[in-house]
Amino acid sequence: MGESKHLARQLIYDIHRKFRVMGQVRKRPVPHVTLFGPFGCRNIRQVIHDIREVGAEYSELEYGINGFDYFELKKKFLFITTSSKKHVIYLKIIPSENLKDFRHKLAKKLLKFTDAVNASHDSKEKFKFHATVAMKDIDRKFERIWDYLKNYDIKTKGMCYRVTLLKEGKIMYEYDFPTKRLLNRRQSITKRRPRR
């Protein structure tokens, strides 16, 4: 929320304009720190229940942002990498212990009934906290984008007051930590927490 959200949104649009990267702007971007997913499930009510149950233990979650990194897809044949492709550039999120605990507790519950396949979801220490700023159509443009991002020296701290359930980039529900309330889409969009 707040400064971090605006920073991420500005970066998404800057990269889109300068390099014609469409991956993050096909729909209106919703800057966020990924905690779990993507996934599918048969019972969304169980997801919502688990978010509320785990969220009730916390009132706020601190994090830091420290520069950029990227994810790379590697194709392998036997044990040899045959090709690699850089497909996501993201802000590096430095989680507080509370944020690590929250994410790990939630992931353990969600892994029981979702089809998430990312093995790092089950790890408290190996999971890479990130906020995506460019994705999908960046492989050929990667070096130019990476050089451009060297102009940014991003180090900041933030506070998470809500956890959001997104479906195809659209806010479905949010859990508000200070009020301990689950908000539907309409409530979460109209009742945004005032900036500090």
C-alpha atoms as a PDB file:
ATOM      1  CA  MET A   1       0.000   0.000   0.000  1.00  0.00           C
ATOM      2  CA  GLY A   2       0.949   3.652  -0.132  1.00  0.00           C
ATOM      3  CA  GLU A   3       4.347   4.658  -1.468  1.00  0.00           C
ATOM      4  CA  SER A   4       5.401   1.121  -2.435  1.00  0.00           C
ATOM      5  CA  LYS A   5       2.249   0.557  -4.496  1.00  0.00           C
ATOM      6  CA  HIS A   6       2.694   3.846  -6.358  1.00  0.00           C
ATOM      7  CA  LEU A   7       6.380   3.109  -6.980  1.00  0.00           C
ATOM      8  CA  ALA A   8       5.588  -0.328  -8.451  1.00  0.00           C
ATOM      9  CA  ARG A   9       2.777   1.049 -10.633  1.00  0.00           C
ATOM     10  CA  GLN A  10       5.045   3.844 -11.939  1.00  0.00           C
ATOM     11  CA  LEU A  11       7.761   1.299 -12.832  1.00  0.00           C
ATOM     12  CA  ILE A  12       5.246  -0.944 -14.611  1.00  0.00           C
ATOM     13  CA  TYR A  13       4.025   1.951 -16.769  1.00  0.00           C
ATOM     14  CA  ASP A  14       7.564   3.328 -17.366  1.00  0.00           C
ATOM     15  CA  ILE A  15       8.767  -0.049 -18.668  1.00  0.00           C
ATOM     16  CA  HIS A  16       5.620  -0.429 -20.760  1.00  0.00           C
ATOM     17  CA  ARG A  17       6.058   2.985 -22.414  1.00  0.00           C
ATOM     18  CA  LYS A  18       9.815   2.810 -22.981  1.00  0.00           C
ATOM     19  CA  PHE A  19      10.069  -0.835 -24.115  1.00  0.00           C
ATOM     20  CA  ARG A  20       6.551  -1.752 -25.296  1.00  0.00           C
ATOM     21  CA  VAL A  21       6.275  -4.514 -22.696  1.00  0.00           C
ATOM     22  CA  MET A  22       2.635  -5.566 -22.466  1.00  0.00           C
ATOM     23  CA  GLY A  23       2.700  -8.398 -19.879  1.00  0.00           C
ATOM     24  CA  GLN A  24       1.773  -6.299 -16.831  1.00  0.00           C
ATOM     25  CA  VAL A  25      -0.560  -3.803 -18.520  1.00  0.00           C
ATOM     26  CA  ARG A  26      -2.927  -6.023 -20.515  1.00  0.00           C
ATOM     27  CA  LYS A  27      -5.365  -5.176 -17.735  1.00  0.00           C
ATOM     28  CA  ARG A  28      -5.073  -2.398 -15.184  1.00  0.00           C
ATOM     29  CA  PRO A  29      -2.030  -3.343 -13.070  1.00  0.00           C
ATOM     30  CA  VAL A  30      -2.621  -4.207  -9.422  1.00  0.00           C
ATOM     31  CA  PRO A  31       0.829  -3.888  -7.790  1.00  0.00           C
ATOM     32  CA  HIS A  32       1.206  -6.548  -5.124  1.00  0.00           C
ATOM     33  CA  VAL A  33       3.681  -8.760  -3.301  1.00  0.00           C
ATOM     34  CA  THR A  34       3.042 -12.328  -4.367  1.00  0.00           C
ATOM     35  CA  LEU A  35       2.513 -14.638  -1.364  1.00  0.00           C
ATOM     36  CA  PHE A  36       0.991 -17.726  -2.989  1.00  0.00           C
ATOM     37  CA  GLY A  37      -0.011 -18.751  -6.471  1.00  0.00           C
ATOM     38  CA  PRO A  38      -0.992 -19.052  -9.136  1.00  0.00           C
ATOM     39  CA  PHE A  39      -3.427 -21.788  -8.181  1.00  0.00           C
ATOM     40  CA  GLY A  40      -6.800 -23.284  -8.871  1.00  0.00           C
ATOM     41  CA  CYS A  41      -9.198 -24.931  -6.451  1.00  0.00           C
ATOM     42  CA  ARG A  42     -12.701 -26.323  -6.224  1.00  0.00           C
ATOM     43  CA  ASN A  43     -13.693 -24.420  -3.108  1.00  0.00           C
ATOM     44  CA  ILE A  44     -12.854 -20.704  -3.002  1.00  0.00           C
ATOM     45  CA  ARG A  45     -14.723 -20.436   0.315  1.00  0.00           C
ATOM     46  CA  GLN A  46     -11.984 -22.551   1.936  1.00  0.00           C
ATOM     47  CA  VAL A  47      -9.322 -20.153   0.593  1.00  0.00           C
ATOM     48  CA  ILE A  48     -11.218 -17.192   2.039  1.00  0.00           C
ATOM     49  CA  HIS A  49     -11.697 -19.004   5.368  1.00  0.00           C
ATOM     50  CA  ASP A  50      -7.978 -19.775   5.624  1.00  0.00           C
ATOM     51  CA  ILE A  51      -6.957 -16.196   4.780  1.00  0.00           C
ATOM     52  CA  ARG A  52      -9.267 -14.918   7.522  1.00  0.00           C
ATOM     53  CA  GLU A  53      -8.109 -17.546  10.044  1.00  0.00           C
ATOM     54  CA  VAL A  54      -4.377 -16.947   9.526  1.00  0.00           C
ATOM     55  CA  GLY A  55      -4.827 -13.168   9.172  1.00  0.00           C
ATOM     56  CA  ALA A  56      -6.541 -12.957  12.572  1.00  0.00           C
ATOM     57  CA  GLU A  57      -3.147 -13.635  14.211  1.00  0.00           C
ATOM     58  CA  TYR A  58      -1.544 -10.454  12.769  1.00  0.00           C
ATOM     59  CA  SER A  59      -2.208  -6.713  12.832  1.00  0.00           C
ATOM     60  CA  GLU A  60       0.381  -5.534  10.260  1.00  0.00           C
ATOM     61  CA  LEU A  61       3.235  -7.008   8.249  1.00  0.00           C
ATOM     62  CA  GLU A  62       6.464  -5.085   7.606  1.00  0.00           C
ATOM     63  CA  TYR A  63       8.676  -5.476   4.551  1.00  0.00           C
ATOM     64  CA  GLY A  64      11.466  -3.718   2.709  1.00  0.00           C
ATOM     65  CA  ILE A  65      12.211  -3.223  -0.980  1.00  0.00           C
ATOM     66  CA  ASN A  66      15.813  -3.481  -2.115  1.00  0.00           C
ATOM     67  CA  GLY A  67      16.428  -3.246  -5.865  1.00  0.00           C
ATOM     68  CA  PHE A  68      15.513  -5.662  -8.643  1.00  0.00           C
ATOM     69  CA  ASP A  69      15.956  -9.274  -9.648  1.00  0.00           C
ATOM     70  CA  TYR A  70      14.525 -11.621 -12.276  1.00  0.00           C
ATOM     71  CA  PHE A  71      13.156 -15.119 -12.778  1.00  0.00           C
ATOM     72  CA  GLU A  72      14.524 -17.283 -15.540  1.00  0.00           C
ATOM     73  CA  LEU A  73      12.834 -20.263 -17.214  1.00  0.00           C
ATOM     74  CA  LYS A  74      15.320 -23.021 -17.966  1.00  0.00           C
ATOM     75  CA  LYS A  75      14.629 -25.911 -20.296  1.00  0.00           C
ATOM     76  CA  LYS A  76      16.600 -29.030 -19.510  1.00  0.00           C
ATOM     77  CA  PHE A  77      17.304 -32.290 -21.245  1.00  0.00           C
ATOM     78  CA  LEU A  78      18.408 -34.872 -18.711  1.00  0.00           C
ATOM     79  CA  PHE A  79      20.639 -32.690 -16.471  1.00  0.00           C
ATOM     80  CA  ILE A  80      21.833 -30.252 -19.133  1.00  0.00           C
ATOM     81  CA  THR A  81      20.269 -26.814 -19.588  1.00  0.00           C
ATOM     82  CA  THR A  82      19.383 -26.517 -23.275  1.00  0.00           C
ATOM     83  CA  SER A  83      17.945 -22.989 -23.165  1.00  0.00           C
ATOM     84  CA  SER A  84      17.011 -20.250 -20.764  1.00  0.00           C
ATOM     85  CA  LYS A  85      14.670 -17.306 -21.015  1.00  0.00           C
ATOM     86  CA  LYS A  86      14.284 -14.360 -18.661  1.00  0.00           C
ATOM     87  CA  HIS A  87      10.542 -13.915 -18.224  1.00  0.00           C
ATOM     88  CA  VAL A  88       9.884 -11.821 -15.055  1.00  0.00           C
ATOM     89  CA  ILE A  89      11.584  -8.730 -13.607  1.00  0.00           C
ATOM     90  CA  TYR A  90      10.565  -7.893 -10.072  1.00  0.00           C
ATOM     91  CA  LEU A  91      11.226  -5.691  -7.067  1.00  0.00           C
ATOM     92  CA  LYS A  92      13.068  -7.652  -4.387  1.00  0.00           C
ATOM     93  CA  ILE A  93      10.947  -7.766  -1.251  1.00  0.00           C
ATOM     94  CA  ILE A  94      12.763  -8.224   2.063  1.00  0.00           C
ATOM     95  CA  PRO A  95      10.142  -9.744   4.390  1.00  0.00           C
ATOM     96  CA  SER A  96       9.975  -9.261   8.140  1.00  0.00           C
ATOM     97  CA  GLU A  97       9.753 -12.400  10.278  1.00  0.00           C
ATOM     98  CA  ASN A  98       6.020 -11.738  10.718  1.00  0.00           C
ATOM     99  CA  LEU A  99       5.502 -11.630   6.950  1.00  0.00           C
ATOM    100  CA  LYS A 100       7.495 -14.848   6.507  1.00  0.00           C
ATOM    101  CA  ASP A 101       5.443 -16.553   9.228  1.00  0.00           C
ATOM    102  CA  PHE A 102       2.124 -15.346   7.810  1.00  0.00           C
ATOM    103  CA  ARG A 103       2.966 -16.501   4.283  1.00  0.00           C
ATOM    104  CA  HIS A 104       4.250 -19.877   5.449  1.00  0.00           C
ATOM    105  CA  LYS A 105       1.207 -20.605   7.651  1.00  0.00           C
ATOM    106  CA  LEU A 106      -1.162 -19.599   4.859  1.00  0.00           C
ATOM    107  CA  ALA A 107       0.734 -21.639   2.234  1.00  0.00           C
ATOM    108  CA  LYS A 108       0.668 -24.777   4.406  1.00  0.00           C
ATOM    109  CA  LYS A 109      -3.121 -24.517   4.630  1.00  0.00           C
ATOM    110  CA  LEU A 110      -3.681 -23.693   0.944  1.00  0.00           C
ATOM    111  CA  LEU A 111      -1.394 -26.450  -0.351  1.00  0.00           C
ATOM    112  CA  LYS A 112      -3.791 -29.053   1.096  1.00  0.00           C
ATOM    113  CA  PHE A 113      -6.585 -28.298  -1.377  1.00  0.00           C
ATOM    114  CA  THR A 114      -5.203 -26.195  -4.248  1.00  0.00           C
ATOM    115  CA  ASP A 115      -3.333 -27.254  -7.371  1.00  0.00           C
ATOM    116  CA  ALA A 116      -0.345 -24.928  -6.789  1.00  0.00           C
ATOM    117  CA  VAL A 117       2.792 -26.635  -8.074  1.00  0.00           C
ATOM    118  CA  ASN A 118       5.588 -24.312  -6.932  1.00  0.00           C
ATOM    119  CA  ALA A 119       7.657 -26.353  -4.470  1.00  0.00           C
ATOM    120  CA  SER A 120       9.004 -23.222  -2.736  1.00  0.00           C
ATOM    121  CA  HIS A 121       5.500 -22.467  -1.414  1.00  0.00           C
ATOM    122  CA  ASP A 122       6.109 -25.077   1.271  1.00  0.00           C
ATOM    123  CA  SER A 123       9.421 -23.516   2.374  1.00  0.00           C
ATOM    124  CA  LYS A 124       9.645 -20.709   4.878  1.00  0.00           C
ATOM    125  CA  GLU A 125      13.179 -19.689   3.884  1.00  0.00           C
ATOM    126  CA  LYS A 126      13.401 -20.464   0.139  1.00  0.00           C
ATOM    127  CA  PHE A 127      10.286 -18.625  -1.017  1.00  0.00           C
ATOM    128  CA  LYS A 128      11.170 -15.522  -3.078  1.00  0.00           C
ATOM    129  CA  PHE A 129       9.053 -12.556  -2.064  1.00  0.00           C
ATOM    130  CA  HIS A 130       8.614 -10.316  -5.079  1.00  0.00           C
ATOM    131  CA  ALA A 131       6.494  -7.653  -6.749  1.00  0.00           C
ATOM    132  CA  THR A 132       6.449  -8.079 -10.538  1.00  0.00           C
ATOM    133  CA  VAL A 133       7.133  -4.988 -12.672  1.00  0.00           C
ATOM    134  CA  ALA A 134       7.614  -6.633 -16.114  1.00  0.00           C
ATOM    135  CA  MET A 135       6.787 -10.085 -17.453  1.00  0.00           C
ATOM    136  CA  LYS A 136       6.143 -12.352 -20.448  1.00  0.00           C
ATOM    137  CA  ASP A 137       7.378 -10.430 -23.508  1.00  0.00           C
ATOM    138  CA  ILE A 138      10.714  -9.248 -22.058  1.00  0.00           C
ATOM    139  CA  ASP A 139      13.234 -11.912 -23.171  1.00  0.00           C
ATOM    140  CA  ARG A 140      14.606 -10.078 -26.246  1.00  0.00           C
ATOM    141  CA  LYS A 141      14.382  -6.699 -24.482  1.00  0.00           C
ATOM    142  CA  PHE A 142      15.803  -7.883 -21.173  1.00  0.00           C
ATOM    143  CA  GLU A 143      19.295  -6.341 -21.424  1.00  0.00           C
ATOM    144  CA  ARG A 144      17.950  -2.900 -22.356  1.00  0.00           C
ATOM    145  CA  ILE A 145      15.338  -2.999 -19.576  1.00  0.00           C
ATOM    146  CA  TRP A 146      17.945  -4.180 -17.065  1.00  0.00           C
ATOM    147  CA  ASP A 147      20.312  -1.325 -18.045  1.00  0.00           C
ATOM    148  CA  TYR A 148      17.441   1.145 -17.677  1.00  0.00           C
ATOM    149  CA  LEU A 149      16.601  -0.140 -14.166  1.00  0.00           C
ATOM    150  CA  LYS A 150      20.198   0.494 -13.062  1.00  0.00           C
ATOM    151  CA  ASN A 151      19.217   4.178 -12.984  1.00  0.00           C
ATOM    152  CA  TYR A 152      16.895   3.420 -10.071  1.00  0.00           C
ATOM    153  CA  ASP A 153      18.342   3.020  -6.579  1.00  0.00           C
ATOM    154  CA  ILE A 154      15.305   1.669  -4.785  1.00  0.00           C
ATOM    155  CA  LYS A 155      15.490   1.045  -1.059  1.00  0.00           C
ATOM    156  CA  THR A 156      12.398   1.646   1.007  1.00  0.00           C
ATOM    157  CA  LYS A 157      10.283   0.135   3.751  1.00  0.00           C
ATOM    158  CA  GLY A 158       6.585  -0.558   3.744  1.00  0.00           C
ATOM    159  CA  MET A 159       3.746  -1.910   5.840  1.00  0.00           C
ATOM    160  CA  CYS A 160       1.112  -4.338   4.661  1.00  0.00           C
ATOM    161  CA  TYR A 161      -2.311  -3.745   6.176  1.00  0.00           C
ATOM    162  CA  ARG A 162      -4.257  -6.017   3.833  1.00  0.00           C
ATOM    163  CA  VAL A 163      -3.860  -9.322   2.055  1.00  0.00           C
ATOM    164  CA  THR A 164      -5.643  -9.572  -1.289  1.00  0.00           C
ATOM    165  CA  LEU A 165      -7.095 -12.507  -3.185  1.00  0.00           C
ATOM    166  CA  LEU A 166      -6.691 -11.802  -6.903  1.00  0.00           C
ATOM    167  CA  LYS A 167      -8.291 -13.605  -9.822  1.00  0.00           C
ATOM    168  CA  GLU A 168      -6.647 -12.819 -13.164  1.00  0.00           C
ATOM    169  CA  GLY A 169      -5.343  -9.533 -11.759  1.00  0.00           C
ATOM    170  CA  LYS A 170      -8.721  -8.469 -10.365  1.00  0.00           C
ATOM    171  CA  ILE A 171      -9.326  -7.933  -6.633  1.00  0.00           C
ATOM    172  CA  MET A 172     -11.889 -10.456  -5.355  1.00  0.00           C
ATOM    173  CA  TYR A 173     -11.495 -10.192  -1.562  1.00  0.00           C
ATOM    174  CA  GLU A 174      -9.196  -8.480   0.922  1.00  0.00           C
ATOM    175  CA  TYR A 175      -8.533  -9.221   4.555  1.00  0.00           C
ATOM    176  CA  ASP A 176      -7.920  -6.033   6.570  1.00  0.00           C
ATOM    177  CA  PHE A 177      -5.487  -6.736   9.439  1.00  0.00           C
ATOM    178  CA  PRO A 178      -6.281  -3.736  11.709  1.00  0.00           C
ATOM    179  CA  THR A 179     -10.057  -4.256  11.647  1.00  0.00           C
ATOM    180  CA  LYS A 180      -9.906  -8.076  11.319  1.00  0.00           C
ATOM    181  CA  ARG A 181     -12.547  -7.870   8.568  1.00  0.00           C
ATOM    182  CA  LEU A 182     -12.907  -9.691   5.298  1.00  0.00           C
ATOM    183  CA  LEU A 183     -13.901  -7.254   2.540  1.00  0.00           C
ATOM    184  CA  ASN A 184     -15.562  -8.212  -0.727  1.00  0.00           C
ATOM    185  CA  ARG A 185     -14.488  -6.543  -3.994  1.00  0.00           C
ATOM    186  CA  ARG A 186     -16.815  -3.554  -3.659  1.00  0.00           C
ATOM    187  CA  GLN A 187     -15.836  -2.898  -0.036  1.00  0.00           C
ATOM    188  CA  SER A 188     -12.111  -3.255  -0.681  1.00  0.00           C
ATOM    189  CA  ILE A 189     -12.161  -0.793  -3.590  1.00  0.00           C
ATOM    190  CA  THR A 190     -14.335   1.855  -1.884  1.00  0.00           C
ATOM    191  CA  LYS A 191     -12.999   1.570   1.659  1.00  0.00           C
ATOM    192  CA  ARG A 192      -9.292   1.906   1.043  1.00  0.00           C
ATOM    193  CA  ARG A 193      -7.293   2.597   4.163  1.00  0.00           C
ATOM    194  CA  PRO A 194      -6.142   6.253   4.358  1.00  0.00           C
ATOM    195  CA  ARG A 195      -2.447   6.884   3.787  1.00  0.00           C
ATOM    196  CA  ARG A 196      -0.170   7.526   6.746  1.00  0.00           C
END
